[in-house]
Amino acid sequence: MSSHRPGRTNRLWLWVAGLSLLGLTVRWSEMSRAEGTALAQQSGAAVESAPEQEFGGGGDTAPGAATGADHADAGESADSGSKTQENGHADPVGPVLIGIMVILLAAKLGGHVFESIGQTAVLGELVFGIVLGNLSLLGYHGLEFLKIDFNHHQTFDVHDSLHLAGITIDNLSRIGVILLLFQVGLESSIGQMLKVGPSALLVAVVGVVVPTALGWGCGHFLLPQHHWSVHMFLGAALCATSVGITARVYQDLRKSTTREARIVLGAAVIDDVLGLVVLAVAQGMIAAQDAAASGLSSEFGVVSVAIIVGKALGFLVAALVLGQFISKHLFSLATMLNGRGLLLATSLLFCFAFSWLANLAGLATIVGAFAAGLILEEVQFRKLKDREGVDHLEHLLRPVMDLLVPIFFVVMGLHVDLRSFADPSMLLLATALTVSAIAGKQACALAVLDRGANRLAVGLGMIPRGEVGLIFAAIGLSLKIGNESVIDSSSYSALVVMVMVTTIVTPPLLKWSMQNVQPDPEG
């Protein structure tokens, strides 16, 4: 008998955890149906089977028998969901996250149960799949969206297949972004965030406030025809720093122990948190403005802004506080299971759960993913890590990220329209955003309190936007006010130019500025 096999009480807790996740799915299913019905009534559209149709699926007319056959309508459902940001279904990857979480939990629980009785884990995974697929016999239809009517798919023409392929690739890229921000969070910790010195804290605050203001100004003067919330989003896209580029330069130069490196790397932790809060606020403002323009809510005002800020800060604080307790018990339960790949599966379950909860709160999924990574520390899953003989959780994530993250970057490149470069206004906006992005981070030099520190090197180290800037641009491309995208093709191309330039110029400038910097004796 395995030494880590759970007793009766622990088995009970395992099933409680599983049923709790299914309860979340029930709630999600009910909210999705309610959203679809409300939107149909307000828009005057007649949806014959709205009570039975699931978000992203459901095409059968039999009561409660949505089979997920109409997956070609998933894109339309996602578009409808974007109108209901307040209810948490703005991101079409939300149902995908729920599906993955349920399947992962079922696979690991099923594998454990059958291995405990001397059978293969594959048999347990299959049996648990059969159980989940037939819960409709007990009157529960929340998981029917996971089932596909293969006979229906045989009638698809080439256009339908290409449409589904596009939706699939888009969701894969969205999951890649979630994993990317999860890794960024893993590279930091709450302890690091609390230990940053006054210089690092001020550098982070200035590095968010000044670029945001400059980006807002660029939008105000160069895009006067757009709503001010669009200008706000341009500012948000300039505030985040991709410190991974800077960290690699420090490592190559063997300058990671310098005072300047410690200030920049410490500021980056706070910068990430503040940047995501700014993103959440900007995204919430746009969603509220869209709802007001569509007549789905009252006019957008100061109270709406306060609610959005409170929601973003409240979610992050609650996630960081409650997440410590949840992660500890989640990984403790995972150590009681038999089977392989439990550390990776549990980590992904934790990441996707927080991403989905952020989406439910009306925030970007990447906010939840970053919070999940920030919460997880090695001490919480050390037993599981040692049992599987793994050095670092990041090593397990690497193959998955190597598959999904490049999809995101290529898809982002696909959205760049080279014809927009022939537009002088786009080139002017790209130049203004790039100059603002660089100048805004140079203001960080003024916030360095340490005497003798190379302030120029600190400012240059905060310049690169990298993948974080692209993520912000991608979110802006998907948001709408009325029928118009917040970030149109020209603005998106300008943001991509800004990201590329700041990423390219940072390494040589940083190497030049760090030539005469000596390691800190206290480092």
Protein backbone atom coordinates (compact mmCIF):
# COMPACT_ATOMS: atom_id res chain seq x y z
CA MET A 1 0.00 0.00 0.00
CA SER A 2 1.33 3.46 -0.91
CA SER A 3 2.44 5.55 2.04
CA HIS A 4 0.62 8.61 0.75
CA ARG A 5 -2.75 6.93 0.24
CA PRO A 6 -5.43 9.05 1.94
CA GLY A 7 -7.62 7.83 4.79
CA ARG A 8 -11.38 8.04 4.89
CA THR A 9 -11.46 11.68 6.07
CA ASN A 10 -8.97 12.80 3.45
CA ARG A 11 -10.89 10.96 0.73
CA LEU A 12 -13.95 12.91 1.83
CA TRP A 13 -12.06 16.19 1.42
CA LEU A 14 -10.96 15.13 -2.05
CA TRP A 15 -14.53 14.56 -3.10
CA VAL A 16 -15.62 17.84 -1.49
CA ALA A 17 -12.98 19.62 -3.59
CA GLY A 18 -14.26 17.93 -6.73
CA LEU A 19 -17.89 18.68 -5.99
CA SER A 20 -17.02 22.30 -5.18
CA LEU A 21 -15.50 22.73 -8.63
CA LEU A 22 -18.58 21.21 -10.20
CA GLY A 23 -20.64 23.65 -8.14
CA LEU A 24 -18.70 26.51 -9.72
CA THR A 25 -19.55 25.05 -13.09
CA VAL A 26 -23.24 24.99 -12.17
CA ARG A 27 -23.09 28.64 -11.19
CA TRP A 28 -21.23 29.52 -14.39
CA SER A 29 -23.80 27.64 -16.48
CA GLU A 30 -26.73 29.38 -14.80
CA MET A 31 -25.14 32.81 -15.25
CA SER A 32 -24.39 32.09 -18.90
CA ARG A 33 -28.00 31.16 -19.60
CA ALA A 34 -29.24 34.22 -17.70
CA GLU A 35 -26.91 36.47 -19.70
CA GLY A 36 -28.07 35.04 -23.00
CA THR A 37 -31.73 35.48 -22.10
CA ALA A 38 -31.27 39.06 -20.85
CA LEU A 39 -29.28 40.12 -23.90
CA ALA A 40 -31.83 38.58 -26.26
CA GLN A 41 -34.68 40.39 -24.53
CA GLN A 42 -32.92 43.75 -24.49
CA SER A 43 -31.85 43.56 -28.12
CA GLY A 44 -35.28 42.32 -29.26
CA ALA A 45 -33.79 39.14 -30.71
CA ALA A 46 -35.90 36.02 -30.59
CA VAL A 47 -33.84 33.13 -29.29
CA GLU A 48 -36.07 30.08 -29.39
CA SER A 49 -34.05 27.81 -27.11
CA ALA A 50 -32.27 30.34 -24.90
CA PRO A 51 -33.02 28.51 -21.60
CA GLU A 52 -31.35 25.35 -22.87
CA GLN A 53 -28.38 26.87 -24.72
CA GLU A 54 -25.01 26.85 -23.01
CA PHE A 55 -22.31 29.49 -23.43
CA GLY A 56 -20.25 28.38 -26.44
CA GLY A 57 -22.36 25.33 -27.20
CA GLY A 58 -25.81 23.82 -27.26
CA GLY A 59 -27.77 23.49 -30.44
CA ASP A 60 -30.37 20.80 -29.68
CA THR A 61 -33.99 21.70 -29.23
CA ALA A 62 -34.77 19.05 -26.66
CA PRO A 63 -35.14 20.58 -23.19
CA GLY A 64 -31.94 20.37 -21.23
CA ALA A 65 -30.18 18.44 -23.96
CA ALA A 66 -27.60 20.91 -25.21
CA THR A 67 -24.88 18.82 -26.75
CA GLY A 68 -22.37 21.46 -27.74
CA ALA A 69 -22.96 20.66 -31.40
CA ASP A 70 -23.20 24.25 -32.51
CA HIS A 71 -19.61 25.09 -31.72
CA ALA A 72 -19.55 27.21 -34.83
CA ASP A 73 -21.60 29.70 -32.83
CA ALA A 74 -18.91 29.93 -30.16
CA GLY A 75 -17.50 33.07 -31.66
CA GLU A 76 -20.93 34.72 -31.59
CA SER A 77 -21.42 33.65 -28.01
CA ALA A 78 -18.03 35.12 -27.17
CA ASP A 79 -19.02 38.39 -28.80
CA SER A 80 -22.22 38.44 -26.79
CA GLY A 81 -20.21 37.72 -23.68
CA SER A 82 -18.06 40.77 -24.32
CA LYS A 83 -21.13 42.88 -23.71
CA THR A 84 -21.44 41.53 -20.20
CA GLN A 85 -18.07 42.26 -18.72
CA GLU A 86 -19.51 42.96 -15.35
CA ASN A 87 -20.72 39.36 -15.11
CA GLY A 88 -17.33 37.94 -15.87
CA HIS A 89 -17.74 36.41 -19.30
CA ALA A 90 -15.84 38.99 -21.32
CA ASP A 91 -13.13 36.53 -22.31
CA PRO A 92 -14.25 33.63 -24.54
CA VAL A 93 -11.51 31.47 -23.05
CA GLY A 94 -13.50 31.34 -19.78
CA PRO A 95 -15.53 28.24 -20.71
CA VAL A 96 -12.34 26.60 -21.98
CA LEU A 97 -10.69 27.12 -18.59
CA ILE A 98 -13.70 25.58 -16.83
CA GLY A 99 -13.58 22.60 -19.16
CA ILE A 100 -9.86 22.04 -18.62
CA MET A 101 -10.22 22.32 -14.84
CA VAL A 102 -13.07 19.80 -14.69
CA ILE A 103 -11.26 17.37 -17.00
CA LEU A 104 -7.96 17.66 -15.09
CA LEU A 105 -9.68 17.10 -11.76
CA ALA A 106 -11.65 14.14 -13.09
CA ALA A 107 -8.54 12.61 -14.67
CA LYS A 108 -6.44 12.81 -11.52
CA LEU A 109 -9.20 11.66 -9.17
CA GLY A 110 -10.18 8.83 -11.52
CA GLY A 111 -6.59 7.74 -11.96
CA HIS A 112 -6.03 7.75 -8.20
CA VAL A 113 -9.15 5.73 -7.40
CA PHE A 114 -8.39 3.01 -9.95
CA GLU A 115 -4.69 2.83 -9.11
CA SER A 116 -5.72 2.37 -5.47
CA ILE A 117 -7.58 -0.82 -6.44
CA GLY A 118 -4.75 -2.11 -8.60
CA GLN A 119 -6.05 -0.95 -11.99
CA THR A 120 -4.45 1.33 -14.55
CA ALA A 121 -4.98 5.09 -14.30
CA VAL A 122 -6.18 5.21 -17.92
CA LEU A 123 -9.19 3.08 -16.98
CA GLY A 124 -10.07 5.48 -14.16
CA GLU A 125 -9.81 8.49 -16.45
CA LEU A 126 -12.12 6.81 -18.95
CA VAL A 127 -14.68 5.81 -16.32
CA PHE A 128 -14.76 9.27 -14.76
CA GLY A 129 -15.24 10.71 -18.25
CA ILE A 130 -18.22 8.40 -18.71
CA VAL A 131 -19.66 9.56 -15.39
CA LEU A 132 -19.26 13.25 -16.27
CA GLY A 133 -20.73 12.70 -19.72
CA ASN A 134 -23.89 11.15 -18.30
CA LEU A 135 -24.67 13.53 -15.45
CA SER A 136 -27.55 14.75 -17.60
CA LEU A 137 -29.36 11.53 -16.60
CA LEU A 138 -29.45 12.98 -13.08
CA GLY A 139 -30.77 16.31 -14.35
CA TYR A 140 -27.42 18.16 -14.43
CA HIS A 141 -26.52 19.63 -17.84
CA GLY A 142 -23.68 22.00 -16.92
CA LEU A 143 -20.98 19.92 -18.63
CA GLU A 144 -22.81 19.19 -21.88
CA PHE A 145 -20.80 21.90 -23.65
CA LEU A 146 -17.77 19.57 -23.45
CA LYS A 147 -19.46 17.03 -25.72
CA ILE A 148 -19.31 17.30 -29.51
CA ASP A 149 -21.89 15.96 -31.95
CA PHE A 150 -19.56 14.32 -34.49
CA ASN A 151 -22.44 13.64 -36.88
CA HIS A 152 -23.16 17.35 -36.94
CA HIS A 153 -19.52 18.14 -37.72
CA GLN A 154 -19.62 15.87 -40.77
CA THR A 155 -21.97 18.39 -42.39
CA PHE A 156 -19.53 21.28 -42.00
CA ASP A 157 -18.27 22.94 -45.13
CA VAL A 158 -14.77 24.35 -45.55
CA HIS A 159 -15.80 27.80 -44.32
CA ASP A 160 -17.25 26.38 -41.08
CA SER A 161 -14.13 24.32 -40.48
CA LEU A 162 -11.87 27.32 -41.01
CA HIS A 163 -14.03 29.37 -38.65
CA LEU A 164 -13.71 26.72 -35.95
CA ALA A 165 -9.97 26.49 -36.57
CA GLY A 166 -9.66 30.24 -36.05
CA ILE A 167 -11.57 30.05 -32.76
CA THR A 168 -9.40 27.12 -31.63
CA ILE A 169 -6.14 28.91 -32.45
CA ASP A 170 -7.40 32.05 -30.70
CA ASN A 171 -8.19 30.10 -27.52
CA LEU A 172 -4.81 28.37 -27.62
CA SER A 173 -3.11 31.76 -27.85
CA ARG A 174 -5.20 33.03 -24.92
CA ILE A 175 -4.14 30.04 -22.81
CA GLY A 176 -0.54 30.76 -23.83
CA VAL A 177 -0.89 34.31 -22.48
CA ILE A 178 -2.33 32.99 -19.22
CA LEU A 179 0.63 30.64 -18.79
CA LEU A 180 3.04 33.44 -19.67
CA LEU A 181 1.69 35.70 -16.90
CA PHE A 182 1.57 32.71 -14.55
CA GLN A 183 5.30 32.25 -15.12
CA VAL A 184 5.93 35.98 -14.57
CA GLY A 185 4.17 35.63 -11.23
CA LEU A 186 6.19 32.53 -10.34
CA GLU A 187 9.41 34.48 -10.87
CA SER A 188 8.31 36.88 -8.12
CA SER A 189 6.74 36.39 -4.72
CA ILE A 190 4.71 38.24 -2.14
CA GLY A 191 7.78 38.23 0.09
CA GLN A 192 9.83 39.99 -2.57
CA MET A 193 7.06 42.52 -3.06
CA LEU A 194 7.03 43.35 0.65
CA LYS A 195 10.83 43.56 0.88
CA VAL A 196 11.45 46.11 -1.87
CA GLY A 197 13.25 49.21 -0.63
CA PRO A 198 11.97 52.76 -0.88
CA SER A 199 13.92 53.40 -4.08
CA ALA A 200 12.44 50.37 -5.83
CA LEU A 201 8.93 51.31 -4.65
CA LEU A 202 9.22 54.89 -5.91
CA VAL A 203 10.78 53.75 -9.19
CA ALA A 204 7.83 51.41 -9.76
CA VAL A 205 5.21 54.05 -8.96
CA VAL A 206 6.84 56.72 -11.13
CA GLY A 207 7.41 54.13 -13.87
CA VAL A 208 3.67 53.48 -14.00
CA VAL A 209 2.22 56.96 -13.46
CA VAL A 210 4.39 58.97 -15.88
CA PRO A 211 4.17 56.64 -18.95
CA THR A 212 0.43 56.25 -18.38
CA ALA A 213 0.00 60.02 -18.36
CA LEU A 214 2.18 60.44 -21.45
CA GLY A 215 0.31 57.72 -23.31
CA TRP A 216 -2.98 59.35 -22.38
CA GLY A 217 -1.62 62.64 -23.72
CA CYS A 218 -0.59 61.02 -27.01
CA GLY A 219 -4.09 59.68 -27.46
CA HIS A 220 -5.71 62.97 -26.48
CA PHE A 221 -3.76 65.06 -29.00
CA LEU A 222 -3.32 62.57 -31.85
CA LEU A 223 -6.65 60.72 -31.59
CA PRO A 224 -9.07 63.47 -30.52
CA GLN A 225 -11.98 61.74 -32.25
CA HIS A 226 -11.77 58.78 -29.85
CA HIS A 227 -13.33 58.54 -26.39
CA TRP A 228 -11.10 59.40 -23.43
CA SER A 229 -11.23 55.79 -22.25
CA VAL A 230 -9.34 54.86 -25.43
CA HIS A 231 -6.67 57.39 -24.50
CA MET A 232 -6.58 55.79 -21.05
CA PHE A 233 -5.97 52.38 -22.58
CA LEU A 234 -3.07 53.70 -24.67
CA GLY A 235 -1.55 54.99 -21.45
CA ALA A 236 -2.08 51.63 -19.78
CA ALA A 237 -0.25 49.90 -22.63
CA LEU A 238 2.82 52.06 -21.96
CA CYS A 239 3.04 51.52 -18.20
CA ALA A 240 4.10 47.87 -17.93
CA THR A 241 7.77 46.79 -17.96
CA SER A 242 9.03 43.45 -19.29
CA VAL A 243 11.86 42.99 -16.85
CA GLY A 244 12.87 39.60 -18.26
CA ILE A 245 14.90 41.33 -20.99
CA THR A 246 16.68 43.51 -18.43
CA ALA A 247 17.32 40.56 -16.11
CA ARG A 248 18.99 38.59 -18.91
CA VAL A 249 21.28 41.54 -19.70
CA TYR A 250 22.27 41.77 -16.03
CA GLN A 251 23.06 38.06 -16.00
CA ASP A 252 25.12 38.27 -19.20
CA LEU A 253 27.13 41.18 -17.77
CA ARG A 254 27.37 39.52 -14.34
CA LYS A 255 25.85 42.64 -12.83
CA SER A 256 22.89 41.01 -11.08
CA THR A 257 24.32 41.88 -7.64
CA THR A 258 24.71 45.59 -8.36
CA ARG A 259 22.61 48.15 -6.53
CA GLU A 260 21.07 49.24 -9.83
CA ALA A 261 20.01 45.68 -10.69
CA ARG A 262 18.41 45.17 -7.27
CA ILE A 263 16.46 48.42 -7.61
CA VAL A 264 15.20 47.58 -11.11
CA LEU A 265 14.34 43.96 -10.34
CA GLY A 266 12.62 44.96 -7.09
CA ALA A 267 10.68 47.70 -8.84
CA ALA A 268 9.61 45.22 -11.51
CA VAL A 269 7.59 43.20 -8.99
CA ILE A 270 5.59 46.26 -7.92
CA ASP A 271 5.47 47.48 -11.52
CA ASP A 272 3.77 44.24 -12.60
CA VAL A 273 1.10 44.55 -9.92
CA LEU A 274 0.44 48.25 -10.58
CA GLY A 275 0.43 47.68 -14.34
CA LEU A 276 -2.22 44.99 -14.06
CA VAL A 277 -4.32 47.22 -11.81
CA VAL A 278 -4.11 50.01 -14.40
CA LEU A 279 -5.07 47.50 -17.10
CA ALA A 280 -8.03 46.30 -15.04
CA VAL A 281 -9.20 49.87 -14.46
CA ALA A 282 -8.82 50.81 -18.14
CA GLN A 283 -10.58 47.64 -19.25
CA GLY A 284 -13.38 48.20 -16.75
CA MET A 285 -13.83 51.81 -17.87
CA ILE A 286 -14.15 50.71 -21.48
CA ALA A 287 -16.62 47.95 -20.58
CA ALA A 288 -18.73 50.39 -18.55
CA GLN A 289 -18.64 52.94 -21.37
CA ASP A 290 -19.65 50.22 -23.84
CA ALA A 291 -22.55 49.18 -21.62
CA ALA A 292 -23.68 52.80 -21.29
CA ALA A 293 -23.43 53.34 -25.05
CA SER A 294 -25.46 50.17 -25.66
CA GLY A 295 -28.14 51.19 -23.17
CA LEU A 296 -27.40 48.23 -20.89
CA SER A 297 -26.49 50.43 -17.92
CA SER A 298 -26.68 54.00 -16.71
CA GLU A 299 -24.29 56.70 -17.88
CA PHE A 300 -20.64 56.15 -17.02
CA GLY A 301 -19.34 58.45 -14.27
CA VAL A 302 -17.06 58.90 -11.27
CA VAL A 303 -18.93 56.29 -9.23
CA SER A 304 -18.31 53.74 -11.99
CA VAL A 305 -14.58 54.50 -11.90
CA ALA A 306 -14.51 54.06 -8.11
CA ILE A 307 -16.31 50.72 -8.39
CA ILE A 308 -13.86 49.51 -11.04
CA VAL A 309 -10.81 50.52 -8.99
CA GLY A 310 -12.29 48.90 -5.89
CA LYS A 311 -13.06 45.71 -7.79
CA ALA A 312 -9.52 45.44 -9.20
CA LEU A 313 -7.80 46.12 -5.88
CA GLY A 314 -10.29 43.99 -3.98
CA PHE A 315 -9.73 41.00 -6.24
CA LEU A 316 -5.94 41.24 -6.00
CA VAL A 317 -5.97 41.59 -2.21
CA ALA A 318 -8.50 38.78 -1.77
CA ALA A 319 -6.60 36.55 -4.20
CA LEU A 320 -3.26 37.11 -2.48
CA VAL A 321 -4.69 36.60 1.02
CA LEU A 322 -7.08 33.69 0.41
CA GLY A 323 -4.79 32.15 -2.20
CA GLN A 324 -2.17 31.40 0.43
CA PHE A 325 -4.67 29.28 2.35
CA ILE A 326 -6.17 27.65 -0.74
CA SER A 327 -2.84 26.73 -2.34
CA LYS A 328 -1.52 25.18 0.86
CA HIS A 329 -4.49 22.83 1.19
CA LEU A 330 -4.79 22.16 -2.54
CA PHE A 331 -1.22 20.88 -2.83
CA SER A 332 -1.60 19.02 0.46
CA LEU A 333 -4.56 17.17 -1.03
CA ALA A 334 -2.60 16.51 -4.21
CA THR A 335 0.16 14.73 -2.25
CA MET A 336 -2.45 12.18 -1.13
CA LEU A 337 -3.16 11.07 -4.69
CA ASN A 338 -1.45 8.35 -6.67
CA GLY A 339 -0.36 8.97 -10.23
CA ARG A 340 2.08 10.95 -12.33
CA GLY A 341 2.14 14.61 -13.30
CA LEU A 342 0.29 15.76 -10.20
CA LEU A 343 2.47 18.83 -9.64
CA LEU A 344 1.90 20.14 -13.16
CA ALA A 345 -1.81 19.30 -13.14
CA THR A 346 -2.42 20.89 -9.73
CA SER A 347 -0.46 24.01 -10.68
CA LEU A 348 -2.44 24.42 -13.90
CA LEU A 349 -5.68 23.82 -12.00
CA PHE A 350 -4.71 26.58 -9.55
CA CYS A 351 -3.68 28.96 -12.34
CA PHE A 352 -6.80 28.39 -14.45
CA ALA A 353 -9.08 28.68 -11.42
CA PHE A 354 -7.72 32.11 -10.53
CA SER A 355 -7.82 33.19 -14.17
CA TRP A 356 -11.47 32.16 -14.39
CA LEU A 357 -12.31 33.91 -11.12
CA ALA A 358 -10.71 37.10 -12.44
CA ASN A 359 -12.82 36.76 -15.57
CA LEU A 360 -15.89 36.20 -13.41
CA ALA A 361 -15.08 39.44 -11.56
CA GLY A 362 -14.94 41.31 -14.86
CA LEU A 363 -11.13 41.52 -14.95
CA ALA A 364 -8.66 40.19 -17.49
CA THR A 365 -7.78 36.51 -17.08
CA ILE A 366 -4.08 37.46 -16.95
CA VAL A 367 -4.70 39.31 -13.67
CA GLY A 368 -5.77 36.04 -12.05
CA ALA A 369 -2.92 34.12 -13.69
CA PHE A 370 -0.33 36.57 -12.38
CA ALA A 371 -1.87 36.49 -8.90
CA ALA A 372 -1.76 32.68 -8.93
CA GLY A 373 1.93 32.68 -9.84
CA LEU A 374 2.70 35.32 -7.23
CA ILE A 375 1.00 33.23 -4.53
CA LEU A 376 2.72 29.93 -5.28
CA GLU A 377 5.99 29.36 -3.47
CA GLU A 378 8.13 26.25 -3.38
CA VAL A 379 7.38 25.58 0.29
CA GLN A 380 3.73 24.96 -0.63
CA PHE A 381 4.46 22.12 -3.06
CA ARG A 382 7.86 20.89 -1.87
CA LYS A 383 6.58 17.42 -0.91
CA LEU A 384 5.02 16.92 -4.33
CA LYS A 385 8.11 18.30 -6.07
CA ASP A 386 10.47 16.00 -4.15
CA ARG A 387 8.22 12.99 -4.75
CA GLU A 388 8.27 13.56 -8.52
CA GLY A 389 11.99 14.39 -8.59
CA VAL A 390 11.47 17.83 -10.11
CA ASP A 391 13.92 20.69 -9.57
CA HIS A 392 11.59 23.58 -10.39
CA LEU A 393 7.94 23.96 -11.32
CA GLU A 394 9.04 26.17 -14.23
CA HIS A 395 10.80 23.15 -15.77
CA LEU A 396 7.48 21.29 -15.92
CA LEU A 397 5.71 24.28 -17.44
CA ARG A 398 8.38 24.85 -20.08
CA PRO A 399 7.22 22.22 -22.66
CA VAL A 400 3.61 23.43 -22.42
CA MET A 401 4.69 27.05 -22.77
CA ASP A 402 7.02 26.24 -25.65
CA LEU A 403 3.96 24.99 -27.52
CA LEU A 404 1.37 27.65 -26.64
CA VAL A 405 3.24 30.93 -26.04
CA PRO A 406 4.72 31.17 -29.57
CA ILE A 407 1.18 30.78 -30.92
CA PHE A 408 0.26 34.00 -29.12
CA PHE A 409 3.15 35.99 -30.57
CA VAL A 410 2.56 34.77 -34.12
CA VAL A 411 -1.18 35.48 -33.84
CA MET A 412 -0.37 39.00 -32.63
CA GLY A 413 1.85 39.45 -35.67
CA LEU A 414 -0.98 38.29 -37.92
CA HIS A 415 -3.07 41.26 -36.78
CA VAL A 416 -0.50 43.84 -37.94
CA ASP A 417 -1.65 45.38 -41.22
CA LEU A 418 1.38 46.57 -43.18
CA ARG A 419 -0.86 48.91 -45.18
CA SER A 420 -1.28 51.01 -42.05
CA PHE A 421 2.41 51.96 -42.26
CA ALA A 422 1.57 54.03 -45.34
CA ASP A 423 -0.59 56.25 -43.13
CA PRO A 424 1.42 59.25 -41.82
CA SER A 425 -0.88 59.55 -38.80
CA MET A 426 -0.01 55.99 -37.74
CA LEU A 427 3.72 56.69 -38.07
CA LEU A 428 3.28 59.86 -36.02
CA LEU A 429 1.37 57.94 -33.32
CA ALA A 430 4.00 55.16 -33.29
CA THR A 431 6.80 57.72 -32.91
CA ALA A 432 4.97 59.59 -30.16
CA LEU A 433 4.18 56.40 -28.23
CA THR A 434 7.76 55.14 -28.54
CA VAL A 435 9.26 58.43 -27.35
CA SER A 436 6.74 58.59 -24.51
CA ALA A 437 7.49 54.99 -23.52
CA ILE A 438 11.23 55.68 -23.31
CA ALA A 439 10.97 59.14 -21.74
CA GLY A 440 8.37 57.98 -19.24
CA LYS A 441 10.66 55.31 -17.86
CA GLN A 442 13.58 57.74 -17.71
CA ALA A 443 11.54 59.64 -15.15
CA CYS A 444 12.22 56.65 -12.88
CA ALA A 445 15.78 57.94 -12.51
CA LEU A 446 14.44 60.87 -10.48
CA ALA A 447 12.89 58.45 -7.98
CA VAL A 448 16.16 56.70 -7.03
CA LEU A 449 17.01 57.63 -3.43
CA ASP A 450 20.25 55.63 -3.07
CA ARG A 451 23.30 57.85 -3.16
CA GLY A 452 25.89 56.91 -5.73
CA ALA A 453 23.48 54.78 -7.77
CA ASN A 454 23.62 55.07 -11.55
CA ARG A 455 20.22 56.65 -12.12
CA LEU A 456 20.52 56.50 -15.91
CA ALA A 457 21.05 52.72 -15.75
CA VAL A 458 17.93 52.35 -13.59
CA GLY A 459 15.84 54.33 -16.06
CA LEU A 460 17.16 52.37 -19.04
CA GLY A 461 16.50 49.09 -17.25
CA MET A 462 12.79 49.93 -17.00
CA ILE A 463 12.34 50.66 -20.74
CA PRO A 464 11.49 47.31 -22.41
CA ARG A 465 7.81 46.47 -22.87
CA GLY A 466 8.28 43.06 -24.53
CA GLU A 467 5.53 40.49 -24.16
CA VAL A 468 3.64 42.51 -21.54
CA GLY A 469 3.12 45.40 -23.95
CA LEU A 470 1.87 43.01 -26.63
CA ILE A 471 -0.59 41.46 -24.21
CA PHE A 472 -2.01 44.88 -23.37
CA ALA A 473 -2.27 45.72 -27.09
CA ALA A 474 -4.02 42.41 -27.79
CA ILE A 475 -6.58 43.05 -25.07
CA GLY A 476 -7.25 46.50 -26.51
CA LEU A 477 -7.75 44.97 -29.94
CA SER A 478 -10.48 42.69 -28.57
CA LEU A 479 -12.37 45.38 -26.61
CA LYS A 480 -15.15 47.39 -28.19
CA ILE A 481 -17.21 50.50 -27.50
CA GLY A 482 -20.39 50.05 -29.46
CA ASN A 483 -19.33 48.50 -32.76
CA GLU A 484 -15.83 50.00 -32.86
CA SER A 485 -12.66 48.39 -31.51
CA VAL A 486 -10.91 50.33 -28.76
CA ILE A 487 -7.57 49.80 -30.49
CA ASP A 488 -8.04 49.94 -34.25
CA SER A 489 -5.62 48.53 -36.82
CA SER A 490 -3.49 51.69 -36.99
CA SER A 491 -3.26 52.12 -33.20
CA TYR A 492 -2.44 48.43 -32.79
CA SER A 493 0.36 48.67 -35.35
CA ALA A 494 1.69 51.75 -33.54
CA LEU A 495 1.74 49.86 -30.22
CA VAL A 496 3.54 46.91 -31.83
CA VAL A 497 6.18 49.30 -33.20
CA MET A 498 6.61 50.77 -29.71
CA VAL A 499 7.03 47.30 -28.20
CA MET A 500 9.57 46.24 -30.82
CA VAL A 501 11.67 49.42 -30.56
CA THR A 502 11.80 49.43 -26.75
CA THR A 503 12.71 45.74 -26.75
CA ILE A 504 15.51 46.22 -29.31
CA VAL A 505 17.16 49.34 -27.88
CA THR A 506 17.29 48.29 -24.23
CA PRO A 507 20.11 45.67 -24.26
CA PRO A 508 22.77 47.84 -25.99
CA LEU A 509 21.83 50.95 -23.99
CA LEU A 510 21.86 49.02 -20.73
CA LYS A 511 25.22 47.42 -21.49
CA TRP A 512 26.67 50.85 -22.24
CA SER A 513 25.31 52.39 -19.04
CA MET A 514 26.47 49.50 -16.82
CA GLN A 515 30.09 49.40 -18.04
CA ASN A 516 31.56 51.15 -14.99
CA VAL A 517 29.06 49.91 -12.41
CA GLN A 518 30.61 47.71 -9.75
CA PRO A 519 28.85 44.98 -7.73
CA ASP A 520 27.32 46.17 -4.47
CA PRO A 521 29.36 44.85 -1.49
CA GLU A 522 26.09 44.46 0.44
CA GLY A 523 24.52 42.45 -2.44
